[in-house]
Amino acid sequence: MAARKEHTLPEVNNPKAGRDYFIGQTYEAGLVLLGTEVKSLRLGRANIADSFVRLTPKGPVLFHAHIAEYDFGNHNNHDPYRTRKLLLKTAEVARITEEVRSGGSTIIPLKIYFKHGLAKCLIAIGKGKKQHDRRQDIKERDAKREISRAMRRRR
């Protein structure tokens, strides 16, 4: 019996999210995409490092997410930086709106991935870090690294 080959689709992560924000509650949102965007995303040709989410009267919208043009697309290829609507339940949108309006919070896309063949975007409520918070994170990371090195040497 032949082993079944598992297809793994790429995930597009936001490397700046954990560095620049304290990550709070996360939500999984559907993405409204065009056909060429899906094909390009399946190839992993996207970048969400500088992207953000805003709440509009029509619902949450993803801005500045770069999904490269599909190489084999024709003249109907998509604009790489177009705005993309996010699909969330009404209760989730209300919760997010309440948290953002309370002040000091923003909505950050953490990653884009495929789940059961559908494109999903993991978004989070985040509070911006100050410079001293980032320095503290670096100090903690270095301390953990030193502890693990010491433990390895001791063994």
Protein backbone atom coordinates (compact mmCIF):
# COMPACT_ATOMS: atom_id res chain seq x y z
CA MET A 1 0.00 0.00 0.00
CA ALA A 2 1.47 3.32 -1.05
CA ALA A 3 1.92 6.05 1.53
CA ARG A 4 -0.40 8.96 0.98
CA LYS A 5 1.40 12.21 0.35
CA GLU A 6 0.10 15.04 2.51
CA HIS A 7 -0.24 18.40 0.77
CA THR A 8 0.97 21.23 2.95
CA LEU A 9 -0.05 24.71 2.03
CA PRO A 10 2.13 27.63 3.07
CA GLU A 11 1.29 29.97 5.91
CA VAL A 12 2.06 33.66 5.64
CA ASN A 13 3.11 35.01 9.04
CA ASN A 14 3.48 38.56 10.33
CA PRO A 15 6.93 38.79 11.93
CA LYS A 16 6.36 42.33 13.24
CA ALA A 17 3.24 41.46 15.23
CA GLY A 18 4.87 39.90 18.29
CA ARG A 19 7.71 42.38 18.28
CA ASP A 20 5.63 45.56 18.06
CA TYR A 21 2.42 44.61 19.90
CA PHE A 22 1.14 42.88 23.00
CA ILE A 23 -1.16 40.26 21.45
CA GLY A 24 -4.59 39.89 23.04
CA GLN A 25 -7.72 38.04 21.92
CA THR A 26 -7.43 36.32 18.52
CA TYR A 27 -10.14 35.73 15.92
CA GLU A 28 -10.22 33.59 12.78
CA ALA A 29 -11.69 35.49 9.84
CA GLY A 30 -12.46 34.36 6.33
CA LEU A 31 -10.86 36.27 3.44
CA VAL A 32 -12.70 37.40 0.32
CA LEU A 33 -10.19 36.79 -2.48
CA LEU A 34 -10.11 36.71 -6.27
CA GLY A 35 -9.07 33.56 -8.15
CA THR A 36 -5.59 34.77 -9.03
CA GLU A 37 -5.06 35.83 -5.40
CA VAL A 38 -5.88 32.32 -4.18
CA LYS A 39 -3.47 30.77 -6.67
CA SER A 40 -0.69 33.16 -5.69
CA LEU A 41 -1.39 32.63 -1.98
CA ARG A 42 -1.19 28.84 -2.44
CA LEU A 43 2.33 29.42 -3.78
CA GLY A 44 3.18 31.39 -0.62
CA ARG A 45 3.74 34.65 -2.47
CA ALA A 46 2.33 37.08 0.08
CA ASN A 47 3.52 39.50 2.75
CA ILE A 48 1.46 40.88 5.64
CA ALA A 49 4.26 42.54 7.64
CA ASP A 50 2.95 46.08 7.05
CA SER A 51 -0.75 45.24 6.86
CA PHE A 52 -3.50 46.28 9.25
CA VAL A 53 -7.25 45.89 9.73
CA ARG A 54 -9.77 48.70 9.95
CA LEU A 55 -13.44 48.57 10.80
CA THR A 56 -15.55 50.12 8.04
CA PRO A 57 -19.35 50.44 7.83
CA LYS A 58 -19.35 47.32 5.64
CA GLY A 59 -17.26 45.34 8.16
CA PRO A 60 -13.58 44.68 8.84
CA VAL A 61 -11.21 45.22 5.92
CA LEU A 62 -7.57 44.14 5.49
CA PHE A 63 -5.32 46.91 4.14
CA HIS A 64 -1.77 46.79 2.69
CA ALA A 65 -1.56 43.00 2.51
CA HIS A 66 0.66 42.23 -0.46
CA ILE A 67 -0.37 39.18 -2.48
CA ALA A 68 1.85 39.04 -5.55
CA GLU A 69 0.31 38.86 -9.01
CA TYR A 70 -0.14 35.34 -10.30
CA ASP A 71 2.57 34.59 -12.88
CA PHE A 72 0.19 32.85 -15.29
CA GLY A 73 -2.61 35.36 -14.85
CA ASN A 74 -3.71 37.33 -17.87
CA HIS A 75 -4.86 40.95 -18.15
CA ASN A 76 -7.48 40.19 -15.46
CA ASN A 77 -4.77 39.76 -12.80
CA HIS A 78 -5.42 41.40 -9.42
CA ASP A 79 -3.87 44.51 -7.83
CA PRO A 80 -1.31 43.24 -5.26
CA TYR A 81 -2.22 45.82 -2.60
CA ARG A 82 -6.01 45.94 -2.98
CA THR A 83 -8.20 46.00 0.13
CA ARG A 84 -9.73 42.68 1.12
CA LYS A 85 -12.90 42.16 3.11
CA LEU A 86 -12.76 39.94 6.19
CA LEU A 87 -15.65 37.66 7.10
CA LEU A 88 -16.54 37.52 10.79
CA LYS A 89 -19.70 36.84 12.74
CA THR A 90 -21.70 39.88 13.81
CA ALA A 91 -21.06 39.20 17.50
CA GLU A 92 -17.31 39.00 16.89
CA VAL A 93 -17.35 42.29 14.97
CA ALA A 94 -19.26 43.92 17.84
CA ARG A 95 -16.72 42.61 20.38
CA ILE A 96 -13.78 43.81 18.31
CA THR A 97 -15.39 47.21 17.78
CA GLU A 98 -15.94 47.60 21.51
CA GLU A 99 -12.32 46.72 22.33
CA VAL A 100 -10.87 49.06 19.70
CA ARG A 101 -13.12 51.97 20.65
CA SER A 102 -12.12 51.66 24.31
CA GLY A 103 -8.78 53.08 23.18
CA GLY A 104 -5.16 52.08 22.81
CA SER A 105 -5.90 48.92 20.81
CA THR A 106 -5.65 48.05 17.17
CA ILE A 107 -6.42 45.04 14.99
CA ILE A 108 -3.40 43.17 13.64
CA PRO A 109 -3.30 40.31 11.12
CA LEU A 110 -1.08 37.55 12.52
CA LYS A 111 -1.14 35.04 9.66
CA ILE A 112 -2.94 33.94 6.53
CA TYR A 113 -3.45 30.23 5.98
CA PHE A 114 -5.76 27.68 4.38
CA LYS A 115 -8.23 25.62 6.41
CA HIS A 116 -10.36 23.01 4.63
CA GLY A 117 -9.57 24.71 1.30
CA LEU A 118 -10.68 28.18 2.46
CA ALA A 119 -8.36 31.14 3.02
CA LYS A 120 -8.38 32.32 6.62
CA CYS A 121 -6.76 35.27 8.35
CA LEU A 122 -5.90 35.09 12.04
CA ILE A 123 -6.38 38.57 13.48
CA ALA A 124 -5.72 39.79 17.00
CA ILE A 125 -6.43 42.75 19.21
CA GLY A 126 -3.06 44.31 20.03
CA LYS A 127 -1.70 47.13 22.12
CA GLY A 128 1.43 48.85 20.87
CA LYS A 129 4.68 48.25 22.73
CA LYS A 130 6.88 51.12 23.83
CA GLN A 131 10.64 51.10 23.34
CA HIS A 132 11.30 50.01 26.95
CA ASP A 133 8.87 47.08 26.50
CA ARG A 134 10.84 45.88 23.49
CA ARG A 135 14.11 46.18 25.41
CA GLN A 136 12.60 44.18 28.26
CA ASP A 137 11.58 41.43 25.83
CA ILE A 138 15.14 41.27 24.48
CA LYS A 139 16.56 41.03 28.02
CA GLU A 140 14.18 38.20 28.90
CA ARG A 141 14.98 36.32 25.70
CA ASP A 142 18.74 36.65 26.34
CA ALA A 143 18.32 35.49 29.95
CA LYS A 144 16.40 32.39 28.84
CA ARG A 145 19.09 31.64 26.27
CA GLU A 146 21.84 31.91 28.89
CA ILE A 147 19.92 29.65 31.29
CA SER A 148 19.44 26.99 28.63
CA ARG A 149 23.17 27.16 27.71
CA ALA A 150 24.13 26.78 31.35
CA MET A 151 21.81 23.79 31.73
CA ARG A 152 23.32 22.11 28.67
CA ARG A 153 26.87 22.68 29.95
CA ARG A 154 25.94 21.25 33.33
CA ARG A 155 24.70 18.00 31.80
